[in-house]
Amino acid sequence: MNKKIGILGMSEDSTQLYLKLAREQKVNLPVFPTDFERLNNLLPRPSEELKQLLLLYLKPIKNITHLLVPNITIHETLDELFTTTELPFSLLHPVQLTIKALQIETIHEVVIFGSSYTMQEGYLTNALKEHKIHCTFPDPKEKEFIDNCRKLIYQRKASASIIKRLNKLMNKYAAYTTVVIACTELSIVLDHQNTKVFDMARIQVQACC
């Protein structure tokens, strides 16, 4: 069966990134809008309030087989939701797809770049560890810088020098280990495709084909 894929709208810039990456693969995708500010105010941890709000946006979606969601953290809640609610489509899941990509390259150790929530032990690291992929994180000052960058990018306030510094830090780690980008804001400013950088957003969209 051919995939019929849609995008659940998240932040404007993240959604536009996914649309751009899909167009580069000659794929045009419909967007199902949400009130992302309402969703974002309930993130990062799963809650019944967040699940019920998501269901308001998910239940009307029809005529697709797979859904892209341009937000890594929200998949923790979506996983719980999909175990209790039957929906007529599947997720193109960034965590599962990234695990497969790492396994293909027989990579067993990664450093996580993301939000302060994902740069700690929890949902993402547990999923990777289940597949014998060991996770480490940047040092505390670097984690603070990365999370501040994420916020500035979301607010459209990140300067060129900040973005350059962020990419330099990514490349520093990629020189000796594999970096996993687990935040769509960071994906937006990733300046090139270093083979040692596994960007969850790009891995997710590549699964459209």
Protein backbone atom coordinates (compact mmCIF):
# COMPACT_ATOMS: atom_id res chain seq x y z
CA MET A 1 0.00 0.00 0.00
CA ASN A 2 1.33 3.45 -0.91
CA LYS A 3 1.94 5.82 1.93
CA LYS A 4 -0.43 8.76 2.23
CA ILE A 5 1.34 11.11 4.60
CA GLY A 6 0.26 14.25 6.42
CA ILE A 7 1.89 16.64 8.88
CA LEU A 8 0.45 17.62 12.23
CA GLY A 9 1.31 21.30 12.49
CA MET A 10 3.59 22.22 15.37
CA SER A 11 5.66 25.41 15.62
CA GLU A 12 5.57 27.39 12.39
CA ASP A 13 9.30 27.13 11.68
CA SER A 14 9.50 23.41 12.47
CA THR A 15 6.50 22.69 10.27
CA GLN A 16 8.03 24.72 7.44
CA LEU A 17 11.29 22.81 7.80
CA TYR A 18 9.46 19.50 7.35
CA LEU A 19 7.57 20.83 4.33
CA LYS A 20 10.82 22.06 2.78
CA LEU A 21 12.58 18.73 3.38
CA ALA A 22 9.59 16.86 1.91
CA ARG A 23 9.55 19.07 -1.19
CA GLU A 24 13.24 18.29 -1.70
CA GLN A 25 12.12 14.66 -2.01
CA LYS A 26 9.37 15.68 -4.47
CA VAL A 27 6.68 15.06 -1.87
CA ASN A 28 3.89 17.51 -1.12
CA LEU A 29 2.20 16.97 2.22
CA PRO A 30 -1.04 18.31 3.68
CA VAL A 31 -0.78 20.05 7.04
CA PHE A 32 -3.35 19.47 9.78
CA PRO A 33 -3.22 22.61 11.95
CA THR A 34 -3.13 22.81 15.73
CA ASP A 35 -2.87 25.55 18.32
CA PHE A 36 0.77 24.84 19.04
CA GLU A 37 1.04 27.44 21.81
CA ARG A 38 -1.58 25.51 23.79
CA LEU A 39 0.26 22.25 23.19
CA ASN A 40 3.65 23.76 23.95
CA ASN A 41 2.46 25.11 27.29
CA LEU A 42 1.70 21.53 28.35
CA LEU A 43 5.02 20.04 27.23
CA PRO A 44 7.37 18.32 27.85
CA ARG A 45 5.87 15.61 30.08
CA PRO A 46 2.82 13.52 29.19
CA SER A 47 -0.42 14.45 30.92
CA GLU A 48 -4.09 13.67 30.49
CA GLU A 49 -4.72 17.30 29.54
CA LEU A 50 -2.13 17.11 26.78
CA LYS A 51 -3.52 13.81 25.51
CA GLN A 52 -7.07 15.14 25.35
CA LEU A 53 -5.92 18.24 23.50
CA LEU A 54 -4.00 16.14 21.00
CA LEU A 55 -7.05 13.98 20.42
CA LEU A 56 -9.02 17.06 19.38
CA TYR A 57 -6.55 17.49 16.52
CA LEU A 58 -5.96 13.81 15.70
CA LYS A 59 -9.49 12.43 15.58
CA PRO A 60 -10.68 14.50 12.58
CA ILE A 61 -7.68 13.44 10.45
CA LYS A 62 -8.69 11.14 7.60
CA ASN A 63 -7.38 9.81 4.29
CA ILE A 64 -3.79 9.31 5.38
CA THR A 65 -1.82 6.22 6.35
CA HIS A 66 1.05 7.93 8.18
CA LEU A 67 1.52 11.11 10.18
CA LEU A 68 4.62 13.27 10.65
CA VAL A 69 4.79 15.31 13.84
CA PRO A 70 7.52 18.01 13.79
CA ASN A 71 8.30 17.89 17.51
CA ILE A 72 10.47 15.20 19.05
CA THR A 73 9.41 15.55 22.69
CA ILE A 74 5.68 15.23 22.04
CA HIS A 75 6.19 11.65 20.82
CA GLU A 76 6.47 10.51 24.44
CA THR A 77 2.85 11.55 24.88
CA LEU A 78 1.83 10.25 21.46
CA ASP A 79 3.25 6.82 22.34
CA GLU A 80 1.01 6.64 25.39
CA LEU A 81 -1.95 7.93 23.39
CA PHE A 82 -1.56 5.40 20.60
CA THR A 83 -1.57 2.50 23.09
CA THR A 84 -5.03 3.47 24.37
CA THR A 85 -6.68 5.05 21.32
CA GLU A 86 -7.24 3.49 17.91
CA LEU A 87 -6.46 5.89 15.09
CA PRO A 88 -6.56 5.09 11.34
CA PHE A 89 -2.92 6.01 10.70
CA SER A 90 0.56 5.31 12.03
CA LEU A 91 3.33 7.65 13.11
CA LEU A 92 6.53 8.13 11.16
CA HIS A 93 8.29 7.96 14.49
CA PRO A 94 11.56 9.90 14.89
CA VAL A 95 12.90 7.78 17.74
CA GLN A 96 12.19 4.41 16.13
CA LEU A 97 13.48 5.58 12.75
CA THR A 98 16.66 6.97 14.29
CA ILE A 99 17.29 3.73 16.14
CA LYS A 100 17.02 1.85 12.84
CA ALA A 101 19.40 4.31 11.16
CA LEU A 102 21.95 3.88 13.96
CA GLN A 103 21.62 0.09 13.84
CA ILE A 104 22.26 0.06 10.09
CA GLU A 105 25.55 1.84 10.75
CA THR A 106 26.26 -0.41 13.79
CA ILE A 107 26.54 2.62 16.06
CA HIS A 108 26.34 1.82 19.78
CA GLU A 109 27.23 5.14 21.42
CA VAL A 110 25.84 8.62 20.81
CA VAL A 111 25.79 12.08 22.35
CA ILE A 112 22.40 13.79 22.50
CA PHE A 113 21.84 17.42 21.48
CA GLY A 114 18.35 18.63 22.31
CA SER A 115 16.34 20.46 24.92
CA SER A 116 17.24 20.32 28.60
CA TYR A 117 14.49 17.68 28.89
CA THR A 118 15.97 15.37 26.24
CA MET A 119 19.57 15.94 27.39
CA GLN A 120 18.98 13.83 30.49
CA GLU A 121 18.06 10.26 31.32
CA GLY A 122 14.47 9.53 30.37
CA TYR A 123 12.19 8.74 27.44
CA LEU A 124 14.74 9.10 24.63
CA THR A 125 17.70 7.51 26.37
CA ASN A 126 15.57 4.60 27.60
CA ALA A 127 14.41 3.88 24.04
CA LEU A 128 17.99 3.92 22.75
CA LYS A 129 19.30 1.80 25.63
CA GLU A 130 16.69 -0.86 24.88
CA HIS A 131 18.56 -1.33 21.61
CA LYS A 132 21.99 -1.30 23.29
CA ILE A 133 22.80 2.26 22.21
CA HIS A 134 24.61 4.09 25.01
CA CYS A 135 23.80 7.79 25.44
CA THR A 136 25.97 10.58 26.76
CA PHE A 137 25.41 14.34 26.93
CA PRO A 138 27.45 17.52 26.49
CA ASP A 139 28.93 18.95 29.69
CA PRO A 140 26.64 21.09 31.89
CA LYS A 141 27.70 24.48 30.51
CA GLU A 142 27.33 23.22 26.95
CA LYS A 143 23.90 21.78 27.73
CA GLU A 144 22.82 25.17 29.06
CA PHE A 145 24.13 26.85 25.91
CA ILE A 146 22.36 24.36 23.62
CA ASP A 147 19.04 24.77 25.42
CA ASN A 148 19.36 28.56 25.31
CA CYS A 149 20.05 28.31 21.57
CA ARG A 150 16.93 26.21 21.15
CA LYS A 151 14.84 28.87 22.86
CA LEU A 152 16.39 31.70 20.83
CA ILE A 153 15.80 29.82 17.57
CA TYR A 154 12.16 29.23 18.54
CA GLN A 155 11.81 32.96 19.29
CA ARG A 156 13.62 33.84 16.03
CA LYS A 157 16.23 35.73 18.04
CA ALA A 158 19.31 33.56 17.40
CA SER A 159 22.15 35.61 15.93
CA ALA A 160 24.43 34.34 13.17
CA SER A 161 27.30 34.10 15.67
CA ILE A 162 25.21 32.01 18.08
CA ILE A 163 24.21 29.64 15.26
CA LYS A 164 27.83 29.40 14.12
CA ARG A 165 28.94 28.58 17.65
CA LEU A 166 26.23 25.92 17.95
CA ASN A 167 27.30 24.22 14.72
CA LYS A 168 30.94 24.38 15.80
CA LEU A 169 30.00 22.59 19.03
CA MET A 170 28.12 19.91 17.08
CA ASN A 171 31.13 19.37 14.85
CA LYS A 172 33.46 19.20 17.87
CA TYR A 173 31.53 16.22 19.22
CA ALA A 174 31.03 14.69 15.77
CA ALA A 175 34.82 14.57 15.34
CA TYR A 176 35.02 11.64 17.75
CA THR A 177 31.51 10.28 18.30
CA THR A 178 28.02 10.23 16.79
CA VAL A 179 25.73 13.17 17.51
CA VAL A 180 21.95 12.75 17.58
CA ILE A 181 19.97 15.97 17.08
CA ALA A 182 16.78 15.52 19.11
CA CYS A 183 15.20 18.95 18.74
CA THR A 184 13.60 20.42 15.63
CA GLU A 185 14.77 23.94 16.48
CA LEU A 186 18.36 22.70 16.30
CA SER A 187 17.52 20.92 13.04
CA ILE A 188 16.44 24.24 11.54
CA VAL A 189 19.93 25.74 11.85
CA LEU A 190 22.00 22.63 11.13
CA ASP A 191 24.35 23.99 8.48
CA HIS A 192 25.38 20.76 6.74
CA GLN A 193 24.97 17.03 6.79
CA ASN A 194 27.99 15.71 8.68
CA THR A 195 27.87 11.92 8.36
CA LYS A 196 28.42 11.65 12.11
CA VAL A 197 25.36 13.79 12.85
CA PHE A 198 22.04 11.95 12.88
CA ASP A 199 19.28 14.54 12.67
CA MET A 200 15.97 13.09 13.82
CA ALA A 201 13.92 15.55 11.78
CA ARG A 202 15.65 14.66 8.52
CA ILE A 203 15.53 10.94 9.29
CA GLN A 204 11.80 11.30 9.94
CA VAL A 205 11.09 13.09 6.65
CA GLN A 206 13.30 10.71 4.65
CA ALA A 207 10.87 7.97 5.63
CA CYS A 208 8.26 9.66 3.42
CA CYS A 209 9.83 7.91 0.41
